[in-house]
């Protein structure tokens, strides 16, 4: 069972990512918005880090880390394959990366991709 701290970090990271995404979408939807204005809306040092799809045994965790001293604001994962299910998607305990894991019904492995939204 996840601790209250990791549950809080997961909720906080998802809320932050949703706010950042909503801000970027709102800026893109409004009429003449310059690239500089959209960039200013992002947190300092914003970077999307990805761990491309790779087949791993069912329920094996895949982790992507933010570069340097950056922290994770949010993230996600994708399970690929017939009957693939994303079982978990959450930040690392040190808030420097994102973890995803899954399973594929009828197979011993599953394709997992992981994404982390990072900032200073």
C-alpha atoms as a PDB file:
ATOM      1  CA  UNK A   1       0.000   0.000   0.000  1.00  0.00           C
ATOM      2  CA  UNK A   2       1.445   3.389  -0.943  1.00  0.00           C
ATOM      3  CA  UNK A   3       2.426   5.720   1.864  1.00  0.00           C
ATOM      4  CA  UNK A   4       0.557   8.971   2.422  1.00  0.00           C
ATOM      5  CA  UNK A   5       3.680  10.824   1.245  1.00  0.00           C
ATOM      6  CA  UNK A   6       3.886   9.025  -2.113  1.00  0.00           C
ATOM      7  CA  UNK A   7       0.130   9.364  -2.603  1.00  0.00           C
ATOM      8  CA  UNK A   8       0.410  13.108  -1.895  1.00  0.00           C
ATOM      9  CA  UNK A   9       3.370  13.425  -4.292  1.00  0.00           C
ATOM     10  CA  UNK A  10       1.423  11.604  -7.015  1.00  0.00           C
ATOM     11  CA  UNK A  11      -1.621  13.839  -6.599  1.00  0.00           C
ATOM     12  CA  UNK A  12       0.515  16.991  -6.411  1.00  0.00           C
ATOM     13  CA  UNK A  13       2.503  16.013  -9.500  1.00  0.00           C
ATOM     14  CA  UNK A  14      -0.644  15.267 -11.489  1.00  0.00           C
ATOM     15  CA  UNK A  15      -2.269  18.543 -10.402  1.00  0.00           C
ATOM     16  CA  UNK A  16       0.841  20.511 -11.366  1.00  0.00           C
ATOM     17  CA  UNK A  17       1.058  18.781 -14.743  1.00  0.00           C
ATOM     18  CA  UNK A  18      -2.629  19.476 -15.380  1.00  0.00           C
ATOM     19  CA  UNK A  19      -2.150  23.182 -14.579  1.00  0.00           C
ATOM     20  CA  UNK A  20       0.889  23.446 -16.858  1.00  0.00           C
ATOM     21  CA  UNK A  21      -0.940  21.639 -19.658  1.00  0.00           C
ATOM     22  CA  UNK A  22      -4.061  23.788 -19.250  1.00  0.00           C
ATOM     23  CA  UNK A  23      -1.965  26.952 -19.350  1.00  0.00           C
ATOM     24  CA  UNK A  24      -0.154  25.877 -22.523  1.00  0.00           C
ATOM     25  CA  UNK A  25      -3.410  24.803 -24.208  1.00  0.00           C
ATOM     26  CA  UNK A  26      -5.091  28.089 -23.257  1.00  0.00           C
ATOM     27  CA  UNK A  27      -2.176  30.070 -24.656  1.00  0.00           C
ATOM     28  CA  UNK A  28      -2.186  28.069 -27.877  1.00  0.00           C
ATOM     29  CA  UNK A  29      -5.957  28.537 -28.275  1.00  0.00           C
ATOM     30  CA  UNK A  30      -5.911  32.310 -27.847  1.00  0.00           C
ATOM     31  CA  UNK A  31      -5.360  34.335 -31.001  1.00  0.00           C
ATOM     32  CA  UNK A  32      -1.988  35.945 -31.666  1.00  0.00           C
ATOM     33  CA  UNK A  33       0.241  34.418 -28.986  1.00  0.00           C
ATOM     34  CA  UNK A  34       3.927  34.456 -29.654  1.00  0.00           C
ATOM     35  CA  UNK A  35       6.248  31.529 -29.048  1.00  0.00           C
ATOM     36  CA  UNK A  36       7.993  33.654 -26.413  1.00  0.00           C
ATOM     37  CA  UNK A  37       4.718  34.075 -24.502  1.00  0.00           C
ATOM     38  CA  UNK A  38       4.029  30.320 -24.605  1.00  0.00           C
ATOM     39  CA  UNK A  39       7.576  29.611 -23.415  1.00  0.00           C
ATOM     40  CA  UNK A  40       7.205  32.105 -20.541  1.00  0.00           C
ATOM     41  CA  UNK A  41       4.167  30.172 -19.289  1.00  0.00           C
ATOM     42  CA  UNK A  42       6.252  27.050 -18.720  1.00  0.00           C
ATOM     43  CA  UNK A  43       8.171  26.457 -15.481  1.00  0.00           C
ATOM     44  CA  UNK A  44      11.868  27.308 -15.454  1.00  0.00           C
ATOM     45  CA  UNK A  45      13.895  24.528 -17.067  1.00  0.00           C
ATOM     46  CA  UNK A  46      10.801  22.728 -18.429  1.00  0.00           C
ATOM     47  CA  UNK A  47      11.714  19.505 -20.232  1.00  0.00           C
ATOM     48  CA  UNK A  48       9.764  16.439 -21.348  1.00  0.00           C
ATOM     49  CA  UNK A  49      11.881  13.302 -20.943  1.00  0.00           C
ATOM     50  CA  UNK A  50      10.845  10.000 -22.528  1.00  0.00           C
ATOM     51  CA  UNK A  51      11.856   6.389 -22.185  1.00  0.00           C
ATOM     52  CA  UNK A  52      10.840   4.814 -25.522  1.00  0.00           C
ATOM     53  CA  UNK A  53       8.762   1.661 -25.766  1.00  0.00           C
ATOM     54  CA  UNK A  54      10.534  -1.544 -24.804  1.00  0.00           C
ATOM     55  CA  UNK A  55       9.251  -5.026 -24.031  1.00  0.00           C
ATOM     56  CA  UNK A  56       9.796  -6.028 -20.416  1.00  0.00           C
ATOM     57  CA  UNK A  57       8.439  -8.872 -18.270  1.00  0.00           C
ATOM     58  CA  UNK A  58       4.927  -8.286 -16.938  1.00  0.00           C
ATOM     59  CA  UNK A  59       4.893  -6.072 -13.812  1.00  0.00           C
ATOM     60  CA  UNK A  60       8.550  -5.003 -14.234  1.00  0.00           C
ATOM     61  CA  UNK A  61       9.011  -1.308 -13.449  1.00  0.00           C
ATOM     62  CA  UNK A  62      10.542   1.057 -16.021  1.00  0.00           C
ATOM     63  CA  UNK A  63      11.880   4.358 -14.725  1.00  0.00           C
ATOM     64  CA  UNK A  64      12.848   7.578 -16.505  1.00  0.00           C
ATOM     65  CA  UNK A  65      14.809  10.238 -14.589  1.00  0.00           C
ATOM     66  CA  UNK A  66      14.962  13.995 -14.973  1.00  0.00           C
ATOM     67  CA  UNK A  67      18.389  15.262 -16.062  1.00  0.00           C
ATOM     68  CA  UNK A  68      20.732  17.119 -13.719  1.00  0.00           C
ATOM     69  CA  UNK A  69      19.107  18.657 -10.660  1.00  0.00           C
ATOM     70  CA  UNK A  70      15.618  18.840 -12.175  1.00  0.00           C
ATOM     71  CA  UNK A  71      12.528  17.526 -10.399  1.00  0.00           C
ATOM     72  CA  UNK A  72       9.524  15.744 -11.846  1.00  0.00           C
ATOM     73  CA  UNK A  73       6.271  17.725 -12.025  1.00  0.00           C
ATOM     74  CA  UNK A  74       4.251  14.894 -13.533  1.00  0.00           C
ATOM     75  CA  UNK A  75       4.445  12.017 -15.915  1.00  0.00           C
ATOM     76  CA  UNK A  76       2.794   8.971 -17.329  1.00  0.00           C
ATOM     77  CA  UNK A  77       3.219   5.687 -19.077  1.00  0.00           C
ATOM     78  CA  UNK A  78       1.831   3.682 -21.947  1.00  0.00           C
ATOM     79  CA  UNK A  79       1.341  -0.072 -22.178  1.00  0.00           C
ATOM     80  CA  UNK A  80       1.469  -1.413 -25.748  1.00  0.00           C
ATOM     81  CA  UNK A  81       0.299  -4.736 -27.102  1.00  0.00           C
ATOM     82  CA  UNK A  82      -2.840  -6.841 -27.466  1.00  0.00           C
ATOM     83  CA  UNK A  83      -4.563  -6.843 -24.090  1.00  0.00           C
ATOM     84  CA  UNK A  84      -1.867  -4.576 -22.599  1.00  0.00           C
ATOM     85  CA  UNK A  85      -2.806  -2.821 -19.351  1.00  0.00           C
ATOM     86  CA  UNK A  86      -0.950  -0.004 -17.600  1.00  0.00           C
ATOM     87  CA  UNK A  87      -0.881  -1.190 -13.991  1.00  0.00           C
ATOM     88  CA  UNK A  88       0.962   1.709 -12.345  1.00  0.00           C
ATOM     89  CA  UNK A  89       2.267   5.196 -13.095  1.00  0.00           C
ATOM     90  CA  UNK A  90       3.788   7.298 -10.318  1.00  0.00           C
ATOM     91  CA  UNK A  91       6.772   9.481  -9.321  1.00  0.00           C
ATOM     92  CA  UNK A  92       9.955   8.066  -7.799  1.00  0.00           C
ATOM     93  CA  UNK A  93      10.304   8.492  -4.027  1.00  0.00           C
ATOM     94  CA  UNK A  94      12.935  11.220  -4.503  1.00  0.00           C
ATOM     95  CA  UNK A  95      10.724  13.158  -7.001  1.00  0.00           C
ATOM     96  CA  UNK A  96      13.445  13.010  -9.664  1.00  0.00           C
ATOM     97  CA  UNK A  97      11.749  10.615 -12.079  1.00  0.00           C
ATOM     98  CA  UNK A  98       8.660   8.666 -13.123  1.00  0.00           C
ATOM     99  CA  UNK A  99       7.869   4.939 -12.938  1.00  0.00           C
ATOM    100  CA  UNK A 100       5.449   2.914 -15.067  1.00  0.00           C
ATOM    101  CA  UNK A 101       4.611  -0.777 -15.179  1.00  0.00           C
ATOM    102  CA  UNK A 102       2.073  -2.963 -16.894  1.00  0.00           C
ATOM    103  CA  UNK A 103       1.052  -6.389 -18.023  1.00  0.00           C
ATOM    104  CA  UNK A 104      -0.247  -8.025 -21.170  1.00  0.00           C
ATOM    105  CA  UNK A 105      -2.958 -10.656 -20.937  1.00  0.00           C
ATOM    106  CA  UNK A 106      -1.858 -13.964 -22.456  1.00  0.00           C
ATOM    107  CA  UNK A 107       1.814 -12.962 -22.764  1.00  0.00           C
ATOM    108  CA  UNK A 108       4.863 -12.955 -20.495  1.00  0.00           C
ATOM    109  CA  UNK A 109       5.950  -9.432 -21.459  1.00  0.00           C
ATOM    110  CA  UNK A 110       4.508  -6.033 -22.316  1.00  0.00           C
ATOM    111  CA  UNK A 111       5.701  -2.930 -24.146  1.00  0.00           C
ATOM    112  CA  UNK A 112       6.104   0.013 -21.740  1.00  0.00           C
ATOM    113  CA  UNK A 113       6.927   3.666 -22.511  1.00  0.00           C
ATOM    114  CA  UNK A 114       7.497   6.223 -19.735  1.00  0.00           C
ATOM    115  CA  UNK A 115       7.265  10.030 -19.805  1.00  0.00           C
ATOM    116  CA  UNK A 116       8.354  12.613 -17.223  1.00  0.00           C
ATOM    117  CA  UNK A 117       7.615  16.344 -17.114  1.00  0.00           C
ATOM    118  CA  UNK A 118      10.673  17.932 -15.514  1.00  0.00           C
ATOM    119  CA  UNK A 119      11.645  21.438 -14.368  1.00  0.00           C
ATOM    120  CA  UNK A 120      14.264  23.190 -12.230  1.00  0.00           C
END
